[in-house]
C-alpha atoms as a PDB file:
ATOM      1  CA  UNK A   1      -5.838   9.286  -0.037  1.00  0.00           C
ATOM      2  CA  UNK A   2      -4.124  11.831  -2.250  1.00  0.00           C
ATOM      3  CA  UNK A   3      -5.101  14.694   0.054  1.00  0.00           C
ATOM      4  CA  UNK A   4      -3.543  13.050   3.118  1.00  0.00           C
ATOM      5  CA  UNK A   5      -0.395  12.222   1.159  1.00  0.00           C
ATOM      6  CA  UNK A   6      -0.075  15.801  -0.093  1.00  0.00           C
ATOM      7  CA  UNK A   7      -0.689  17.266   3.362  1.00  0.00           C
ATOM      8  CA  UNK A   8       2.036  15.129   4.904  1.00  0.00           C
ATOM      9  CA  UNK A   9       4.354  16.044   2.033  1.00  0.00           C
ATOM     10  CA  UNK A  10       4.253  19.654   3.284  1.00  0.00           C
ATOM     11  CA  UNK A  11       5.997  18.570   6.469  1.00  0.00           C
ATOM     12  CA  UNK A  12       9.430  17.069   7.018  1.00  0.00           C
ATOM     13  CA  UNK A  13       8.809  13.744   8.766  1.00  0.00           C
ATOM     14  CA  UNK A  14      11.621  11.676  10.210  1.00  0.00           C
ATOM     15  CA  UNK A  15      14.063  11.542  13.020  1.00  0.00           C
ATOM     16  CA  UNK A  16      16.749  14.136  13.231  1.00  0.00           C
ATOM     17  CA  UNK A  17      19.882  14.395  15.275  1.00  0.00           C
ATOM     18  CA  UNK A  18      21.385  17.275  17.220  1.00  0.00           C
ATOM     19  CA  UNK A  19      23.091  18.792  14.194  1.00  0.00           C
ATOM     20  CA  UNK A  20      20.145  18.585  11.786  1.00  0.00           C
ATOM     21  CA  UNK A  21      17.699  19.826  14.449  1.00  0.00           C
ATOM     22  CA  UNK A  22      19.861  22.890  14.902  1.00  0.00           C
ATOM     23  CA  UNK A  23      19.333  23.947  11.262  1.00  0.00           C
ATOM     24  CA  UNK A  24      15.869  22.579  10.522  1.00  0.00           C
ATOM     25  CA  UNK A  25      13.178  20.862  12.564  1.00  0.00           C
ATOM     26  CA  UNK A  26      11.669  17.510  11.653  1.00  0.00           C
ATOM     27  CA  UNK A  27       8.431  15.884  12.739  1.00  0.00           C
ATOM     28  CA  UNK A  28       9.105  12.584  14.472  1.00  0.00           C
ATOM     29  CA  UNK A  29       5.545  11.695  15.545  1.00  0.00           C
ATOM     30  CA  UNK A  30       2.377  11.838  13.431  1.00  0.00           C
ATOM     31  CA  UNK A  31      -1.163  11.097  14.552  1.00  0.00           C
ATOM     32  CA  UNK A  32      -3.928  10.624  11.977  1.00  0.00           C
ATOM     33  CA  UNK A  33      -7.240  10.950  13.803  1.00  0.00           C
ATOM     34  CA  UNK A  34     -10.696   9.956  12.612  1.00  0.00           C
ATOM     35  CA  UNK A  35     -12.932  12.392  14.456  1.00  0.00           C
ATOM     36  CA  UNK A  36     -16.660  12.216  15.129  1.00  0.00           C
ATOM     37  CA  UNK A  37     -16.304   8.585  16.185  1.00  0.00           C
ATOM     38  CA  UNK A  38     -19.050   9.193  18.739  1.00  0.00           C
ATOM     39  CA  UNK A  39     -21.573   9.037  15.870  1.00  0.00           C
ATOM     40  CA  UNK A  40     -20.780   5.333  15.474  1.00  0.00           C
ATOM     41  CA  UNK A  41     -21.374   2.410  17.785  1.00  0.00           C
ATOM     42  CA  UNK A  42     -18.275   1.740  19.878  1.00  0.00           C
ATOM     43  CA  UNK A  43     -17.884  -1.675  18.249  1.00  0.00           C
ATOM     44  CA  UNK A  44     -17.375   0.051  14.876  1.00  0.00           C
ATOM     45  CA  UNK A  45     -14.488   2.256  16.003  1.00  0.00           C
ATOM     46  CA  UNK A  46     -11.897  -0.321  14.969  1.00  0.00           C
ATOM     47  CA  UNK A  47     -13.437  -0.442  11.480  1.00  0.00           C
ATOM     48  CA  UNK A  48     -13.330   3.352  11.225  1.00  0.00           C
ATOM     49  CA  UNK A  49      -9.689   3.226  12.261  1.00  0.00           C
ATOM     50  CA  UNK A  50      -8.969   0.608   9.599  1.00  0.00           C
ATOM     51  CA  UNK A  51     -10.637   2.736   6.898  1.00  0.00           C
ATOM     52  CA  UNK A  52      -8.594   5.794   7.840  1.00  0.00           C
ATOM     53  CA  UNK A  53      -5.406   3.711   8.016  1.00  0.00           C
ATOM     54  CA  UNK A  54      -6.159   2.438   4.517  1.00  0.00           C
ATOM     55  CA  UNK A  55      -6.728   5.991   3.210  1.00  0.00           C
ATOM     56  CA  UNK A  56      -3.458   7.194   4.697  1.00  0.00           C
ATOM     57  CA  UNK A  57      -1.488   4.046   3.841  1.00  0.00           C
ATOM     58  CA  UNK A  58       0.970   5.617   1.365  1.00  0.00           C
ATOM     59  CA  UNK A  59       1.622   8.649   3.544  1.00  0.00           C
ATOM     60  CA  UNK A  60       2.083   6.426   6.603  1.00  0.00           C
ATOM     61  CA  UNK A  61       4.496   4.164   4.735  1.00  0.00           C
ATOM     62  CA  UNK A  62       6.567   7.147   3.584  1.00  0.00           C
ATOM     63  CA  UNK A  63       6.655   8.626   7.102  1.00  0.00           C
ATOM     64  CA  UNK A  64       7.603   5.241   8.612  1.00  0.00           C
ATOM     65  CA  UNK A  65      10.425   4.944   6.090  1.00  0.00           C
ATOM     66  CA  UNK A  66      11.894   8.250   7.272  1.00  0.00           C
ATOM     67  CA  UNK A  67      11.794   7.104  10.893  1.00  0.00           C
ATOM     68  CA  UNK A  68       8.716   8.940  12.133  1.00  0.00           C
ATOM     69  CA  UNK A  69       6.292   7.159  14.438  1.00  0.00           C
ATOM     70  CA  UNK A  70       2.778   7.107  12.960  1.00  0.00           C
ATOM     71  CA  UNK A  71      -0.456   6.129  14.673  1.00  0.00           C
ATOM     72  CA  UNK A  72      -4.076   6.139  13.495  1.00  0.00           C
ATOM     73  CA  UNK A  73      -6.921   6.469  16.010  1.00  0.00           C
ATOM     74  CA  UNK A  74     -10.682   6.967  16.084  1.00  0.00           C
ATOM     75  CA  UNK A  75     -11.631   9.591  18.655  1.00  0.00           C
ATOM     76  CA  UNK A  76     -14.404  11.872  19.801  1.00  0.00           C
ATOM     77  CA  UNK A  77     -14.510  14.902  22.049  1.00  0.00           C
ATOM     78  CA  UNK A  78     -17.753  13.809  23.682  1.00  0.00           C
ATOM     79  CA  UNK A  79     -19.863  10.701  23.732  1.00  0.00           C
ATOM     80  CA  UNK A  80     -23.108  11.443  21.925  1.00  0.00           C
ATOM     81  CA  UNK A  81     -24.627   7.988  21.489  1.00  0.00           C
ATOM     82  CA  UNK A  82     -25.738   5.178  23.768  1.00  0.00           C
ATOM     83  CA  UNK A  83     -25.547   1.515  22.986  1.00  0.00           C
END
């Protein structure tokens, strides 16, 4: 949890306007991805997503407060398991 919070603290989340974007850029969309989801049964992907959302809860709340859109997903590059 602390690692995700500290990583997001390195960036400047939030919505900017034309004037502020001219001087410094802000991040207005953040995606927290739980990779290797293919190692789990597809019915467990929502639970993996919930765990990652819980780990990143403080960082997500801070980013939402600044106006950035935040999403948490479970994803995999390939499907390695069969149900």
